[in-house]
């Protein structure tokens, strides 16, 4: 993850929601949710502390389909 010019590795807690053939496109398809937590200060984003929490929860939802080709 890169924020504010700082790059760090993050671990995502991922969950497969569903996988199979997309009902309309008839192609392989999958849906995932993932979460992680970062510290703003790790990315030099500590402005307004302590009024804004240092801990930030990130939630990601993805639906992916196999590309043609």
PDB file of N, CA and C in Angstrom:
ATOM      1  N   UNK A   1       0.858  -1.174   0.000  1.00  0.00           N
ATOM      2  CA  UNK A   1       0.000   0.000   0.000  1.00  0.00           C
ATOM      3  C   UNK A   1       0.898   1.229   0.000  1.00  0.00           C
ATOM      4  N   UNK A   2       0.607   2.160  -0.872  1.00  0.00           N
ATOM      5  CA  UNK A   2       1.360   3.413  -0.917  1.00  0.00           C
ATOM      6  C   UNK A   2       0.425   4.573  -0.611  1.00  0.00           C
ATOM      7  N   UNK A   3       0.772   5.329   0.411  1.00  0.00           N
ATOM      8  CA  UNK A   3       0.038   6.537   0.789  1.00  0.00           C
ATOM      9  C   UNK A   3       1.047   7.629   1.088  1.00  0.00           C
ATOM     10  N   UNK A   4       0.812   8.805   0.571  1.00  0.00           N
ATOM     11  CA  UNK A   4       1.651   9.957   0.894  1.00  0.00           C
ATOM     12  C   UNK A   4       3.125   9.694   0.572  1.00  0.00           C
ATOM     13  N   UNK A   5       3.387   8.896  -0.472  1.00  0.00           N
ATOM     14  CA  UNK A   5       4.753   8.582  -0.878  1.00  0.00           C
ATOM     15  C   UNK A   5       5.440   7.516  -0.047  1.00  0.00           C
ATOM     16  N   UNK A   6       4.735   6.900   0.897  1.00  0.00           N
ATOM     17  CA  UNK A   6       5.290   5.850   1.758  1.00  0.00           C
ATOM     18  C   UNK A   6       4.659   4.518   1.359  1.00  0.00           C
ATOM     19  N   UNK A   7       5.509   3.519   1.078  1.00  0.00           N
ATOM     20  CA  UNK A   7       5.027   2.196   0.683  1.00  0.00           C
ATOM     21  C   UNK A   7       5.317   1.192   1.783  1.00  0.00           C
ATOM     22  N   UNK A   8       4.288   0.455   2.179  1.00  0.00           N
ATOM     23  CA  UNK A   8       4.425  -0.592   3.199  1.00  0.00           C
ATOM     24  C   UNK A   8       3.573  -1.780   2.785  1.00  0.00           C
ATOM     25  N   UNK A   9       4.010  -2.966   3.184  1.00  0.00           N
ATOM     26  CA  UNK A   9       3.208  -4.166   2.965  1.00  0.00           C
ATOM     27  C   UNK A   9       2.080  -4.202   3.981  1.00  0.00           C
ATOM     28  N   UNK A  10       0.918  -4.663   3.540  1.00  0.00           N
ATOM     29  CA  UNK A  10      -0.207  -4.871   4.452  1.00  0.00           C
ATOM     30  C   UNK A  10      -0.734  -6.281   4.236  1.00  0.00           C
ATOM     31  N   UNK A  11      -1.306  -6.842   5.281  1.00  0.00           N
ATOM     32  CA  UNK A  11      -1.912  -8.171   5.207  1.00  0.00           C
ATOM     33  C   UNK A  11      -3.420  -7.977   5.157  1.00  0.00           C
ATOM     34  N   UNK A  12      -4.053  -8.564   4.145  1.00  0.00           N
ATOM     35  CA  UNK A  12      -5.501  -8.477   4.008  1.00  0.00           C
ATOM     36  C   UNK A  12      -6.142  -9.734   4.567  1.00  0.00           C
ATOM     37  N   UNK A  13      -7.175  -9.554   5.362  1.00  0.00           N
ATOM     38  CA  UNK A  13      -7.995 -10.670   5.823  1.00  0.00           C
ATOM     39  C   UNK A  13      -9.099 -10.812   4.781  1.00  0.00           C
ATOM     40  N   UNK A  14      -8.945 -11.777   3.870  1.00  0.00           N
ATOM     41  CA  UNK A  14      -9.838 -11.902   2.717  1.00  0.00           C
ATOM     42  C   UNK A  14     -10.827 -13.043   2.892  1.00  0.00           C
ATOM     43  N   UNK A  15     -12.017 -12.828   2.331  1.00  0.00           N
ATOM     44  CA  UNK A  15     -13.079 -13.828   2.381  1.00  0.00           C
ATOM     45  C   UNK A  15     -13.663 -13.972   0.982  1.00  0.00           C
ATOM     46  N   UNK A  16     -13.706 -15.200   0.483  1.00  0.00           N
ATOM     47  CA  UNK A  16     -14.345 -15.478  -0.799  1.00  0.00           C
ATOM     48  C   UNK A  16     -15.849 -15.528  -0.565  1.00  0.00           C
ATOM     49  N   UNK A  17     -16.581 -14.641  -1.211  1.00  0.00           N
ATOM     50  CA  UNK A  17     -18.035 -14.611  -1.051  1.00  0.00           C
ATOM     51  C   UNK A  17     -18.725 -15.604  -1.973  1.00  0.00           C
ATOM     52  N   UNK A  18     -18.277 -15.631  -3.214  1.00  0.00           N
ATOM     53  CA  UNK A  18     -18.896 -16.526  -4.182  1.00  0.00           C
ATOM     54  C   UNK A  18     -17.976 -16.652  -5.384  1.00  0.00           C
ATOM     55  N   UNK A  19     -17.985 -17.833  -6.001  1.00  0.00           N
ATOM     56  CA  UNK A  19     -17.206 -18.061  -7.219  1.00  0.00           C
ATOM     57  C   UNK A  19     -17.991 -19.015  -8.097  1.00  0.00           C
ATOM     58  N   UNK A  20     -17.836 -18.857  -9.386  1.00  0.00           N
ATOM     59  CA  UNK A  20     -18.527 -19.731 -10.329  1.00  0.00           C
ATOM     60  C   UNK A  20     -18.713 -19.018 -11.647  1.00  0.00           C
ATOM     61  N   UNK A  21     -19.693 -19.453 -12.406  1.00  0.00           N
ATOM     62  CA  UNK A  21     -19.977 -18.837 -13.695  1.00  0.00           C
ATOM     63  C   UNK A  21     -20.932 -17.663 -13.491  1.00  0.00           C
ATOM     64  N   UNK A  22     -20.576 -16.516 -14.078  1.00  0.00           N
ATOM     65  CA  UNK A  22     -21.446 -15.351 -13.992  1.00  0.00           C
ATOM     66  C   UNK A  22     -22.739 -15.654 -14.740  1.00  0.00           C
ATOM     67  N   UNK A  23     -23.906 -15.386 -14.141  1.00  0.00           N
ATOM     68  CA  UNK A  23     -25.168 -15.795 -14.758  1.00  0.00           C
ATOM     69  C   UNK A  23     -25.486 -15.114 -16.085  1.00  0.00           C
ATOM     70  N   UNK A  24     -24.987 -13.893 -16.297  1.00  0.00           N
ATOM     71  CA  UNK A  24     -25.289 -13.202 -17.551  1.00  0.00           C
ATOM     72  C   UNK A  24     -24.142 -13.295 -18.546  1.00  0.00           C
ATOM     73  N   UNK A  25     -22.914 -13.168 -18.085  1.00  0.00           N
ATOM     74  CA  UNK A  25     -21.751 -13.156 -18.984  1.00  0.00           C
ATOM     75  C   UNK A  25     -21.272 -14.557 -19.340  1.00  0.00           C
ATOM     76  N   UNK A  26     -21.661 -15.554 -18.539  1.00  0.00           N
ATOM     77  CA  UNK A  26     -21.257 -16.952 -18.782  1.00  0.00           C
ATOM     78  C   UNK A  26     -19.742 -17.119 -18.782  1.00  0.00           C
ATOM     79  N   UNK A  27     -19.058 -16.394 -17.885  1.00  0.00           N
ATOM     80  CA  UNK A  27     -17.605 -16.486 -17.723  1.00  0.00           C
ATOM     81  C   UNK A  27     -17.305 -16.765 -16.257  1.00  0.00           C
ATOM     82  N   UNK A  28     -16.097 -17.307 -15.968  1.00  0.00           N
ATOM     83  CA  UNK A  28     -15.699 -17.483 -14.569  1.00  0.00           C
ATOM     84  C   UNK A  28     -15.701 -16.132 -13.840  1.00  0.00           C
ATOM     85  N   UNK A  29     -16.207 -16.156 -12.614  1.00  0.00           N
ATOM     86  CA  UNK A  29     -16.419 -14.931 -11.850  1.00  0.00           C
ATOM     87  C   UNK A  29     -16.215 -15.229 -10.374  1.00  0.00           C
ATOM     88  N   UNK A  30     -15.767 -14.239  -9.606  1.00  0.00           N
ATOM     89  CA  UNK A  30     -15.598 -14.417  -8.159  1.00  0.00           C
ATOM     90  C   UNK A  30     -15.809 -13.083  -7.455  1.00  0.00           C
ATOM     91  N   UNK A  31     -16.289 -13.162  -6.221  1.00  0.00           N
ATOM     92  CA  UNK A  31     -16.469 -11.974  -5.392  1.00  0.00           C
ATOM     93  C   UNK A  31     -15.750 -12.155  -4.064  1.00  0.00           C
ATOM     94  N   UNK A  32     -15.028 -11.126  -3.634  1.00  0.00           N
ATOM     95  CA  UNK A  32     -14.236 -11.166  -2.406  1.00  0.00           C
ATOM     96  C   UNK A  32     -14.516  -9.928  -1.565  1.00  0.00           C
ATOM     97  N   UNK A  33     -14.366 -10.066  -0.254  1.00  0.00           N
ATOM     98  CA  UNK A  33     -14.290  -8.939   0.672  1.00  0.00           C
ATOM     99  C   UNK A  33     -12.969  -9.073   1.415  1.00  0.00           C
ATOM    100  N   UNK A  34     -12.338  -7.949   1.722  1.00  0.00           N
ATOM    101  CA  UNK A  34     -11.077  -7.976   2.473  1.00  0.00           C
ATOM    102  C   UNK A  34     -11.045  -6.783   3.421  1.00  0.00           C
ATOM    103  N   UNK A  35     -10.363  -6.965   4.539  1.00  0.00           N
ATOM    104  CA  UNK A  35     -10.203  -5.888   5.511  1.00  0.00           C
ATOM    105  C   UNK A  35      -8.762  -5.858   6.000  1.00  0.00           C
ATOM    106  N   UNK A  36      -8.352  -4.696   6.453  1.00  0.00           N
ATOM    107  CA  UNK A  36      -7.060  -4.532   7.105  1.00  0.00           C
ATOM    108  C   UNK A  36      -7.124  -3.272   7.960  1.00  0.00           C
ATOM    109  N   UNK A  37      -6.124  -3.064   8.760  1.00  0.00           N
ATOM    110  CA  UNK A  37      -6.039  -1.859   9.587  1.00  0.00           C
ATOM    111  C   UNK A  37      -4.635  -1.288   9.445  1.00  0.00           C
ATOM    112  N   UNK A  38      -4.549   0.012   9.272  1.00  0.00           N
ATOM    113  CA  UNK A  38      -3.251   0.686   9.182  1.00  0.00           C
ATOM    114  C   UNK A  38      -3.195   1.791  10.230  1.00  0.00           C
ATOM    115  N   UNK A  39      -1.990   2.275  10.459  1.00  0.00           N
ATOM    116  CA  UNK A  39      -1.781   3.437  11.322  1.00  0.00           C
ATOM    117  C   UNK A  39      -1.443   4.629  10.437  1.00  0.00           C
ATOM    118  N   UNK A  40      -2.149   5.726  10.628  1.00  0.00           N
ATOM    119  CA  UNK A  40      -1.889   6.924   9.821  1.00  0.00           C
ATOM    120  C   UNK A  40      -0.452   7.402   9.985  1.00  0.00           C
ATOM    121  N   UNK A  41       0.077   7.296  11.202  1.00  0.00           N
ATOM    122  CA  UNK A  41       1.438   7.778  11.447  1.00  0.00           C
ATOM    123  C   UNK A  41       2.484   6.975  10.688  1.00  0.00           C
ATOM    124  N   UNK A  42       2.192   5.706  10.329  1.00  0.00           N
ATOM    125  CA  UNK A  42       3.129   4.912   9.524  1.00  0.00           C
ATOM    126  C   UNK A  42       3.324   5.512   8.135  1.00  0.00           C
ATOM    127  N   UNK A  43       2.380   6.337   7.698  1.00  0.00           N
ATOM    128  CA  UNK A  43       2.417   6.933   6.361  1.00  0.00           C
ATOM    129  C   UNK A  43       2.565   8.456   6.432  1.00  0.00           C
ATOM    130  N   UNK A  44       3.083   8.939   7.561  1.00  0.00           N
ATOM    131  CA  UNK A  44       3.288  10.381   7.776  1.00  0.00           C
ATOM    132  C   UNK A  44       1.987  11.167   7.606  1.00  0.00           C
ATOM    133  N   UNK A  45       0.893  10.589   8.106  1.00  0.00           N
ATOM    134  CA  UNK A  45      -0.414  11.233   8.032  1.00  0.00           C
ATOM    135  C   UNK A  45      -0.970  11.478   9.433  1.00  0.00           C
ATOM    136  N   UNK A  46      -0.136  11.918  10.348  1.00  0.00           N
ATOM    137  CA  UNK A  46      -0.538  12.079  11.738  1.00  0.00           C
ATOM    138  C   UNK A  46      -1.175  13.409  12.074  1.00  0.00           C
ATOM    139  N   UNK A  47      -1.462  14.230  11.074  1.00  0.00           N
ATOM    140  CA  UNK A  47      -2.045  15.543  11.333  1.00  0.00           C
ATOM    141  C   UNK A  47      -3.388  15.407  12.055  1.00  0.00           C
ATOM    142  N   UNK A  48      -3.667  16.331  12.926  1.00  0.00           N
ATOM    143  CA  UNK A  48      -4.899  16.431  13.722  1.00  0.00           C
ATOM    144  C   UNK A  48      -4.990  15.394  14.834  1.00  0.00           C
ATOM    145  N   UNK A  49      -3.915  14.650  15.104  1.00  0.00           N
ATOM    146  CA  UNK A  49      -3.905  13.741  16.262  1.00  0.00           C
ATOM    147  C   UNK A  49      -3.877  14.605  17.513  1.00  0.00           C
ATOM    148  N   UNK A  50      -4.519  14.265  18.571  1.00  0.00           N
ATOM    149  CA  UNK A  50      -5.274  13.037  18.830  1.00  0.00           C
ATOM    150  C   UNK A  50      -6.759  13.147  18.489  1.00  0.00           C
ATOM    151  N   UNK A  51      -7.167  14.185  17.780  1.00  0.00           N
ATOM    152  CA  UNK A  51      -8.590  14.364  17.473  1.00  0.00           C
ATOM    153  C   UNK A  51      -9.070  13.412  16.384  1.00  0.00           C
ATOM    154  N   UNK A  52      -8.157  12.947  15.550  1.00  0.00           N
ATOM    155  CA  UNK A  52      -8.462  11.945  14.526  1.00  0.00           C
ATOM    156  C   UNK A  52      -7.666  10.701  14.883  1.00  0.00           C
ATOM    157  N   UNK A  53      -8.316   9.563  14.921  1.00  0.00           N
ATOM    158  CA  UNK A  53      -7.664   8.313  15.327  1.00  0.00           C
ATOM    159  C   UNK A  53      -6.473   7.981  14.436  1.00  0.00           C
ATOM    160  N   UNK A  54      -5.445   7.409  15.036  1.00  0.00           N
ATOM    161  CA  UNK A  54      -4.288   6.933  14.274  1.00  0.00           C
ATOM    162  C   UNK A  54      -4.639   5.655  13.518  1.00  0.00           C
ATOM    163  N   UNK A  55      -5.537   4.858  14.075  1.00  0.00           N
ATOM    164  CA  UNK A  55      -5.933   3.594  13.442  1.00  0.00           C
ATOM    165  C   UNK A  55      -7.016   3.840  12.397  1.00  0.00           C
ATOM    166  N   UNK A  56      -6.810   3.279  11.210  1.00  0.00           N
ATOM    167  CA  UNK A  56      -7.781   3.400  10.121  1.00  0.00           C
ATOM    168  C   UNK A  56      -8.125   2.000   9.641  1.00  0.00           C
ATOM    169  N   UNK A  57      -9.416   1.683   9.630  1.00  0.00           N
ATOM    170  CA  UNK A  57      -9.882   0.400   9.103  1.00  0.00           C
ATOM    171  C   UNK A  57     -10.175   0.558   7.619  1.00  0.00           C
ATOM    172  N   UNK A  58      -9.687  -0.397   6.829  1.00  0.00           N
ATOM    173  CA  UNK A  58      -9.896  -0.380   5.381  1.00  0.00           C
ATOM    174  C   UNK A  58     -10.718  -1.601   5.006  1.00  0.00           C
ATOM    175  N   UNK A  59     -11.780  -1.363   4.239  1.00  0.00           N
ATOM    176  CA  UNK A  59     -12.634  -2.444   3.746  1.00  0.00           C
ATOM    177  C   UNK A  59     -12.645  -2.394   2.224  1.00  0.00           C
ATOM    178  N   UNK A  60     -12.446  -3.563   1.595  1.00  0.00           N
ATOM    179  CA  UNK A  60     -12.383  -3.665   0.140  1.00  0.00           C
ATOM    180  C   UNK A  60     -13.368  -4.729  -0.309  1.00  0.00           C
ATOM    181  N   UNK A  61     -14.166  -4.410  -1.323  1.00  0.00           N
ATOM    182  CA  UNK A  61     -15.048  -5.396  -1.947  1.00  0.00           C
ATOM    183  C   UNK A  61     -14.701  -5.457  -3.427  1.00  0.00           C
ATOM    184  N   UNK A  62     -14.535  -6.684  -3.953  1.00  0.00           N
ATOM    185  CA  UNK A  62     -14.116  -6.872  -5.340  1.00  0.00           C
ATOM    186  C   UNK A  62     -14.984  -7.930  -5.992  1.00  0.00           C
ATOM    187  N   UNK A  63     -15.407  -7.650  -7.217  1.00  0.00           N
ATOM    188  CA  UNK A  63     -15.988  -8.665  -8.085  1.00  0.00           C
ATOM    189  C   UNK A  63     -15.104  -8.718  -9.318  1.00  0.00           C
ATOM    190  N   UNK A  64     -14.665  -9.918  -9.677  1.00  0.00           N
ATOM    191  CA  UNK A  64     -13.738 -10.068 -10.793  1.00  0.00           C
ATOM    192  C   UNK A  64     -14.252 -11.126 -11.757  1.00  0.00           C
ATOM    193  N   UNK A  65     -14.038 -10.865 -13.047  1.00  0.00           N
ATOM    194  CA  UNK A  65     -14.453 -11.794 -14.087  1.00  0.00           C
ATOM    195  C   UNK A  65     -13.268 -12.038 -15.014  1.00  0.00           C
ATOM    196  N   UNK A  66     -13.136 -13.258 -15.495  1.00  0.00           N
ATOM    197  CA  UNK A  66     -12.041 -13.597 -16.397  1.00  0.00           C
ATOM    198  C   UNK A  66     -12.144 -12.760 -17.668  1.00  0.00           C
ATOM    199  N   UNK A  67     -11.015 -12.173 -18.063  1.00  0.00           N
ATOM    200  CA  UNK A  67     -10.972 -11.340 -19.264  1.00  0.00           C
ATOM    201  C   UNK A  67     -10.974 -12.206 -20.517  1.00  0.00           C
ATOM    202  N   UNK A  68     -11.459 -11.642 -21.594  1.00  0.00           N
ATOM    203  CA  UNK A  68     -11.401 -12.331 -22.889  1.00  0.00           C
ATOM    204  C   UNK A  68      -9.961 -12.344 -23.382  1.00  0.00           C
ATOM    205  N   UNK A  69      -9.619 -13.408 -24.091  1.00  0.00           N
ATOM    206  CA  UNK A  69      -8.315 -13.429 -24.728  1.00  0.00           C
ATOM    207  C   UNK A  69      -7.395 -14.443 -24.251  1.00  0.00           C
TER     208      UNK A  69
END
